[in-house]
Amino acid sequence: MPRRRSIVSDDVKYEIARELGFADKINVEGDDYDYGNITTREAGLIVRGLIEKAERAMADQLRRRGR
C-alpha cells in the first residue's frame, strides 16, 4: 500500500524534531525522511509542535488584521 502524501513538509517536521532534540533519530537521504527510529511519544511531540506552530501562525495573522 503506498504511503499517503503528508500535508506538512518533512523539512518542517524535521525542524521540530531538531528543536525537541531527537532529529538524529530521523534518517535523511536526499528528499527521503525515515521516521522509523522515533518512538510513538516522539511522533506525538512532533504533532503537538505542528499544532502549536499553526496556532501561533493563526494568532499572528489575526493580530495583523487588527482583531
PDB file of N, CA and C in Angstrom:
ATOM      1  N   MET A   1       0.851  -1.182   0.000  1.00  0.00           N
ATOM      2  CA  MET A   1       0.000   0.000   0.000  1.00  0.00           C
ATOM      3  C   MET A   1       0.894   1.241   0.000  1.00  0.00           C
ATOM      4  N   PRO A   2       0.722   2.147  -0.943  1.00  0.00           N
ATOM      5  CA  PRO A   2       1.567   3.349  -0.990  1.00  0.00           C
ATOM      6  C   PRO A   2       1.287   4.278   0.179  1.00  0.00           C
ATOM      7  N   ARG A   3       2.345   4.978   0.603  1.00  0.00           N
ATOM      8  CA  ARG A   3       2.185   5.943   1.688  1.00  0.00           C
ATOM      9  C   ARG A   3       1.485   7.181   1.185  1.00  0.00           C
ATOM     10  N   ARG A   4       0.622   7.739   2.058  1.00  0.00           N
ATOM     11  CA  ARG A   4      -0.069   8.969   1.694  1.00  0.00           C
ATOM     12  C   ARG A   4       0.889  10.137   1.787  1.00  0.00           C
ATOM     13  N   ARG A   5       0.668  11.110   0.968  1.00  0.00           N
ATOM     14  CA  ARG A   5       1.463  12.323   0.990  1.00  0.00           C
ATOM     15  C   ARG A   5       1.026  13.166   2.188  1.00  0.00           C
ATOM     16  N   SER A   6       1.998  13.676   2.919  1.00  0.00           N
ATOM     17  CA  SER A   6       1.721  14.455   4.119  1.00  0.00           C
ATOM     18  C   SER A   6       1.326  15.884   3.764  1.00  0.00           C
ATOM     19  N   ILE A   7       0.471  16.465   4.580  1.00  0.00           N
ATOM     20  CA  ILE A   7       0.088  17.859   4.411  1.00  0.00           C
ATOM     21  C   ILE A   7       1.249  18.771   4.796  1.00  0.00           C
ATOM     22  N   VAL A   8       2.048  18.323   5.763  1.00  0.00           N
ATOM     23  CA  VAL A   8       3.161  19.115   6.281  1.00  0.00           C
ATOM     24  C   VAL A   8       4.461  18.590   5.683  1.00  0.00           C
ATOM     25  N   SER A   9       5.339  19.479   5.284  1.00  0.00           N
ATOM     26  CA  SER A   9       6.593  19.052   4.676  1.00  0.00           C
ATOM     27  C   SER A   9       7.482  18.359   5.696  1.00  0.00           C
ATOM     28  N   ASP A  10       8.283  17.441   5.202  1.00  0.00           N
ATOM     29  CA  ASP A  10       9.228  16.750   6.069  1.00  0.00           C
ATOM     30  C   ASP A  10      10.245  17.716   6.659  1.00  0.00           C
ATOM     31  N   ASP A  11      10.567  18.773   5.932  1.00  0.00           N
ATOM     32  CA  ASP A  11      11.507  19.770   6.454  1.00  0.00           C
ATOM     33  C   ASP A  11      10.979  20.407   7.736  1.00  0.00           C
ATOM     34  N   VAL A  12       9.691  20.707   7.776  1.00  0.00           N
ATOM     35  CA  VAL A  12       9.080  21.321   8.958  1.00  0.00           C
ATOM     36  C   VAL A  12       9.061  20.322  10.110  1.00  0.00           C
ATOM     37  N   LYS A  13       8.686  19.077   9.818  1.00  0.00           N
ATOM     38  CA  LYS A  13       8.672  18.050  10.868  1.00  0.00           C
ATOM     39  C   LYS A  13      10.083  17.830  11.410  1.00  0.00           C
ATOM     40  N   TYR A  14      11.070  17.820  10.526  1.00  0.00           N
ATOM     41  CA  TYR A  14      12.462  17.628  10.947  1.00  0.00           C
ATOM     42  C   TYR A  14      12.925  18.805  11.812  1.00  0.00           C
ATOM     43  N   GLU A  15      12.539  20.016  11.429  1.00  0.00           N
ATOM     44  CA  GLU A  15      12.883  21.210  12.208  1.00  0.00           C
ATOM     45  C   GLU A  15      12.341  21.100  13.634  1.00  0.00           C
ATOM     46  N   ILE A  16      11.106  20.652  13.768  1.00  0.00           N
ATOM     47  CA  ILE A  16      10.514  20.491  15.096  1.00  0.00           C
ATOM     48  C   ILE A  16      11.248  19.407  15.874  1.00  0.00           C
ATOM     49  N   ALA A  17      11.559  18.292  15.226  1.00  0.00           N
ATOM     50  CA  ALA A  17      12.313  17.223  15.890  1.00  0.00           C
ATOM     51  C   ALA A  17      13.683  17.734  16.346  1.00  0.00           C
ATOM     52  N   ARG A  18      14.292  18.589  15.543  1.00  0.00           N
ATOM     53  CA  ARG A  18      15.586  19.171  15.912  1.00  0.00           C
ATOM     54  C   ARG A  18      15.429  20.055  17.146  1.00  0.00           C
ATOM     55  N   GLU A  19      14.378  20.867  17.172  1.00  0.00           N
ATOM     56  CA  GLU A  19      14.122  21.731  18.329  1.00  0.00           C
ATOM     57  C   GLU A  19      13.875  20.905  19.590  1.00  0.00           C
ATOM     58  N   LEU A  20      13.264  19.724  19.429  1.00  0.00           N
ATOM     59  CA  LEU A  20      12.960  18.860  20.564  1.00  0.00           C
ATOM     60  C   LEU A  20      14.123  17.944  20.945  1.00  0.00           C
ATOM     61  N   GLY A  21      15.146  17.901  20.097  1.00  0.00           N
ATOM     62  CA  GLY A  21      16.365  17.171  20.447  1.00  0.00           C
ATOM     63  C   GLY A  21      16.463  15.729  19.987  1.00  0.00           C
ATOM     64  N   PHE A  22      15.634  15.298  19.060  1.00  0.00           N
ATOM     65  CA  PHE A  22      15.763  13.917  18.585  1.00  0.00           C
ATOM     66  C   PHE A  22      15.815  13.795  17.059  1.00  0.00           C
ATOM     67  N   ALA A  23      16.234  14.846  16.391  1.00  0.00           N
ATOM     68  CA  ALA A  23      16.340  14.799  14.925  1.00  0.00           C
ATOM     69  C   ALA A  23      17.373  13.775  14.469  1.00  0.00           C
ATOM     70  N   ASP A  24      18.337  13.461  15.339  1.00  0.00           N
ATOM     71  CA  ASP A  24      19.361  12.489  14.972  1.00  0.00           C
ATOM     72  C   ASP A  24      18.781  11.082  14.763  1.00  0.00           C
ATOM     73  N   LYS A  25      17.579  10.837  15.258  1.00  0.00           N
ATOM     74  CA  LYS A  25      16.918   9.542  15.062  1.00  0.00           C
ATOM     75  C   LYS A  25      16.230   9.443  13.702  1.00  0.00           C
ATOM     76  N   ILE A  26      16.103  10.546  12.995  1.00  0.00           N
ATOM     77  CA  ILE A  26      15.442  10.565  11.684  1.00  0.00           C
ATOM     78  C   ILE A  26      16.509  10.430  10.611  1.00  0.00           C
ATOM     79  N   ASN A  27      16.386   9.384   9.812  1.00  0.00           N
ATOM     80  CA  ASN A  27      17.339   9.161   8.728  1.00  0.00           C
ATOM     81  C   ASN A  27      16.915   9.984   7.520  1.00  0.00           C
ATOM     82  N   VAL A  28      17.842  10.814   7.034  1.00  0.00           N
ATOM     83  CA  VAL A  28      17.555  11.662   5.882  1.00  0.00           C
ATOM     84  C   VAL A  28      18.523  11.296   4.765  1.00  0.00           C
ATOM     85  N   GLU A  29      17.958  10.921   3.619  1.00  0.00           N
ATOM     86  CA  GLU A  29      18.758  10.634   2.432  1.00  0.00           C
ATOM     87  C   GLU A  29      18.137  11.394   1.270  1.00  0.00           C
ATOM     88  N   GLY A  30      18.750  12.512   0.934  1.00  0.00           N
ATOM     89  CA  GLY A  30      18.196  13.356  -0.121  1.00  0.00           C
ATOM     90  C   GLY A  30      16.869  13.935   0.318  1.00  0.00           C
ATOM     91  N   ASP A  31      15.817  13.629  -0.431  1.00  0.00           N
ATOM     92  CA  ASP A  31      14.469  14.109  -0.103  1.00  0.00           C
ATOM     93  C   ASP A  31      13.660  13.085   0.689  1.00  0.00           C
ATOM     94  N   ASP A  32      14.281  11.959   1.050  1.00  0.00           N
ATOM     95  CA  ASP A  32      13.576  10.904   1.776  1.00  0.00           C
ATOM     96  C   ASP A  32      13.867  10.992   3.271  1.00  0.00           C
ATOM     97  N   TYR A  33      12.804  11.021   4.060  1.00  0.00           N
ATOM     98  CA  TYR A  33      12.899  11.067   5.515  1.00  0.00           C
ATOM     99  C   TYR A  33      12.319   9.777   6.063  1.00  0.00           C
ATOM    100  N   ASP A  34      13.091   9.091   6.915  1.00  0.00           N
ATOM    101  CA  ASP A  34      12.645   7.838   7.524  1.00  0.00           C
ATOM    102  C   ASP A  34      12.465   8.060   9.018  1.00  0.00           C
ATOM    103  N   TYR A  35      11.209   7.989   9.473  1.00  0.00           N
ATOM    104  CA  TYR A  35      10.882   8.228  10.884  1.00  0.00           C
ATOM    105  C   TYR A  35      10.781   6.923  11.673  1.00  0.00           C
ATOM    106  N   GLY A  36      11.265   5.826  11.126  1.00  0.00           N
ATOM    107  CA  GLY A  36      11.129   4.512  11.739  1.00  0.00           C
ATOM    108  C   GLY A  36      11.814   4.344  13.081  1.00  0.00           C
ATOM    109  N   ASN A  37      12.768   5.199  13.407  1.00  0.00           N
ATOM    110  CA  ASN A  37      13.513   5.059  14.657  1.00  0.00           C
ATOM    111  C   ASN A  37      12.991   5.931  15.789  1.00  0.00           C
ATOM    112  N   ILE A  38      11.952   6.724  15.535  1.00  0.00           N
ATOM    113  CA  ILE A  38      11.430   7.552  16.620  1.00  0.00           C
ATOM    114  C   ILE A  38      10.327   6.786  17.346  1.00  0.00           C
ATOM    115  N   THR A  39      10.123   7.144  18.597  1.00  0.00           N
ATOM    116  CA  THR A  39       9.084   6.483  19.388  1.00  0.00           C
ATOM    117  C   THR A  39       7.719   7.099  19.078  1.00  0.00           C
ATOM    118  N   THR A  40       6.689   6.425  19.524  1.00  0.00           N
ATOM    119  CA  THR A  40       5.329   6.952  19.368  1.00  0.00           C
ATOM    120  C   THR A  40       5.210   8.277  20.117  1.00  0.00           C
ATOM    121  N   ARG A  41       5.827   8.352  21.274  1.00  0.00           N
ATOM    122  CA  ARG A  41       5.793   9.587  22.064  1.00  0.00           C
ATOM    123  C   ARG A  41       6.455  10.733  21.291  1.00  0.00           C
ATOM    124  N   GLU A  42       7.590  10.453  20.673  1.00  0.00           N
ATOM    125  CA  GLU A  42       8.280  11.491  19.905  1.00  0.00           C
ATOM    126  C   GLU A  42       7.449  11.928  18.702  1.00  0.00           C
ATOM    127  N   ALA A  43       6.779  10.981  18.058  1.00  0.00           N
ATOM    128  CA  ALA A  43       5.890  11.332  16.937  1.00  0.00           C
ATOM    129  C   ALA A  43       4.773  12.240  17.434  1.00  0.00           C
ATOM    130  N   GLY A  44       4.238  11.926  18.606  1.00  0.00           N
ATOM    131  CA  GLY A  44       3.204  12.772  19.204  1.00  0.00           C
ATOM    132  C   GLY A  44       3.710  14.156  19.528  1.00  0.00           C
ATOM    133  N   LEU A  45       4.967  14.245  19.966  1.00  0.00           N
ATOM    134  CA  LEU A  45       5.558  15.556  20.253  1.00  0.00           C
ATOM    135  C   LEU A  45       5.715  16.385  18.979  1.00  0.00           C
ATOM    136  N   ILE A  46       6.025  15.713  17.862  1.00  0.00           N
ATOM    137  CA  ILE A  46       6.097  16.424  16.581  1.00  0.00           C
ATOM    138  C   ILE A  46       4.718  16.969  16.234  1.00  0.00           C
ATOM    139  N   VAL A  47       3.686  16.152  16.397  1.00  0.00           N
ATOM    140  CA  VAL A  47       2.321  16.592  16.097  1.00  0.00           C
ATOM    141  C   VAL A  47       1.955  17.779  16.987  1.00  0.00           C
ATOM    142  N   ARG A  48       2.259  17.681  18.270  1.00  0.00           N
ATOM    143  CA  ARG A  48       1.977  18.787  19.190  1.00  0.00           C
ATOM    144  C   ARG A  48       2.710  20.057  18.736  1.00  0.00           C
ATOM    145  N   GLY A  49       3.969  19.902  18.331  1.00  0.00           N
ATOM    146  CA  GLY A  49       4.738  21.048  17.841  1.00  0.00           C
ATOM    147  C   GLY A  49       4.113  21.662  16.602  1.00  0.00           C
ATOM    148  N   LEU A  50       3.607  20.811  15.703  1.00  0.00           N
ATOM    149  CA  LEU A  50       2.948  21.312  14.491  1.00  0.00           C
ATOM    150  C   LEU A  50       1.684  22.090  14.835  1.00  0.00           C
ATOM    151  N   ILE A  51       0.920  21.575  15.791  1.00  0.00           N
ATOM    152  CA  ILE A  51      -0.303  22.260  16.210  1.00  0.00           C
ATOM    153  C   ILE A  51       0.031  23.614  16.822  1.00  0.00           C
ATOM    154  N   GLU A  52       1.039  23.650  17.694  1.00  0.00           N
ATOM    155  CA  GLU A  52       1.433  24.911  18.323  1.00  0.00           C
ATOM    156  C   GLU A  52       1.919  25.915  17.289  1.00  0.00           C
ATOM    157  N   LYS A  53       2.666  25.431  16.310  1.00  0.00           N
ATOM    158  CA  LYS A  53       3.164  26.306  15.242  1.00  0.00           C
ATOM    159  C   LYS A  53       1.993  26.897  14.446  1.00  0.00           C
ATOM    160  N   ALA A  54       0.997  26.064  14.135  1.00  0.00           N
ATOM    161  CA  ALA A  54      -0.179  26.528  13.396  1.00  0.00           C
ATOM    162  C   ALA A  54      -0.983  27.529  14.219  1.00  0.00           C
ATOM    163  N   GLU A  55      -1.135  27.257  15.517  1.00  0.00           N
ATOM    164  CA  GLU A  55      -1.874  28.187  16.379  1.00  0.00           C
ATOM    165  C   GLU A  55      -1.177  29.548  16.449  1.00  0.00           C
ATOM    166  N   ARG A  56       0.152  29.543  16.553  1.00  0.00           N
ATOM    167  CA  ARG A  56       0.899  30.814  16.583  1.00  0.00           C
ATOM    168  C   ARG A  56       0.737  31.568  15.272  1.00  0.00           C
ATOM    169  N   ALA A  57       0.788  30.837  14.160  1.00  0.00           N
ATOM    170  CA  ALA A  57       0.645  31.480  12.847  1.00  0.00           C
ATOM    171  C   ALA A  57      -0.744  32.099  12.700  1.00  0.00           C
ATOM    172  N   MET A  58      -1.776  31.393  13.171  1.00  0.00           N
ATOM    173  CA  MET A  58      -3.131  31.927  13.081  1.00  0.00           C
ATOM    174  C   MET A  58      -3.295  33.149  13.988  1.00  0.00           C
ATOM    175  N   ALA A  59      -2.731  33.104  15.180  1.00  0.00           N
ATOM    176  CA  ALA A  59      -2.813  34.242  16.107  1.00  0.00           C
ATOM    177  C   ALA A  59      -2.094  35.452  15.522  1.00  0.00           C
ATOM    178  N   ASP A  60      -0.930  35.223  14.916  1.00  0.00           N
ATOM    179  CA  ASP A  60      -0.192  36.326  14.285  1.00  0.00           C
ATOM    180  C   ASP A  60      -0.994  36.933  13.147  1.00  0.00           C
ATOM    181  N   GLN A  61      -1.644  36.073  12.379  1.00  0.00           N
ATOM    182  CA  GLN A  61      -2.451  36.547  11.252  1.00  0.00           C
ATOM    183  C   GLN A  61      -3.611  37.406  11.748  1.00  0.00           C
ATOM    184  N   LEU A  62      -4.257  36.990  12.814  1.00  0.00           N
ATOM    185  CA  LEU A  62      -5.359  37.778  13.386  1.00  0.00           C
ATOM    186  C   LEU A  62      -4.870  39.109  13.917  1.00  0.00           C
ATOM    187  N   ARG A  63      -3.715  39.110  14.573  1.00  0.00           N
ATOM    188  CA  ARG A  63      -3.143  40.367  15.087  1.00  0.00           C
ATOM    189  C   ARG A  63      -2.843  41.341  13.961  1.00  0.00           C
ATOM    190  N   ARG A  64      -2.337  40.825  12.861  1.00  0.00           N
ATOM    191  CA  ARG A  64      -2.031  41.701  11.714  1.00  0.00           C
ATOM    192  C   ARG A  64      -3.297  42.285  11.098  1.00  0.00           C
ATOM    193  N   ARG A  65      -4.403  41.571  11.236  1.00  0.00           N
ATOM    194  CA  ARG A  65      -5.672  42.066  10.711  1.00  0.00           C
ATOM    195  C   ARG A  65      -6.345  43.024  11.679  1.00  0.00           C
ATOM    196  N   GLY A  66      -5.779  43.170  12.867  1.00  0.00           N
ATOM    197  CA  GLY A  66      -6.328  44.113  13.829  1.00  0.00           C
ATOM    198  C   GLY A  66      -7.454  43.577  14.676  1.00  0.00           C
ATOM    199  N   ARG A  67      -7.501  42.299  14.893  1.00  0.00           N
ATOM    200  CA  ARG A  67      -8.574  41.712  15.704  1.00  0.00           C
ATOM    201  C   ARG A  67      -8.086  41.408  17.084  1.00  0.00           C
TER     202      ARG A  67
END
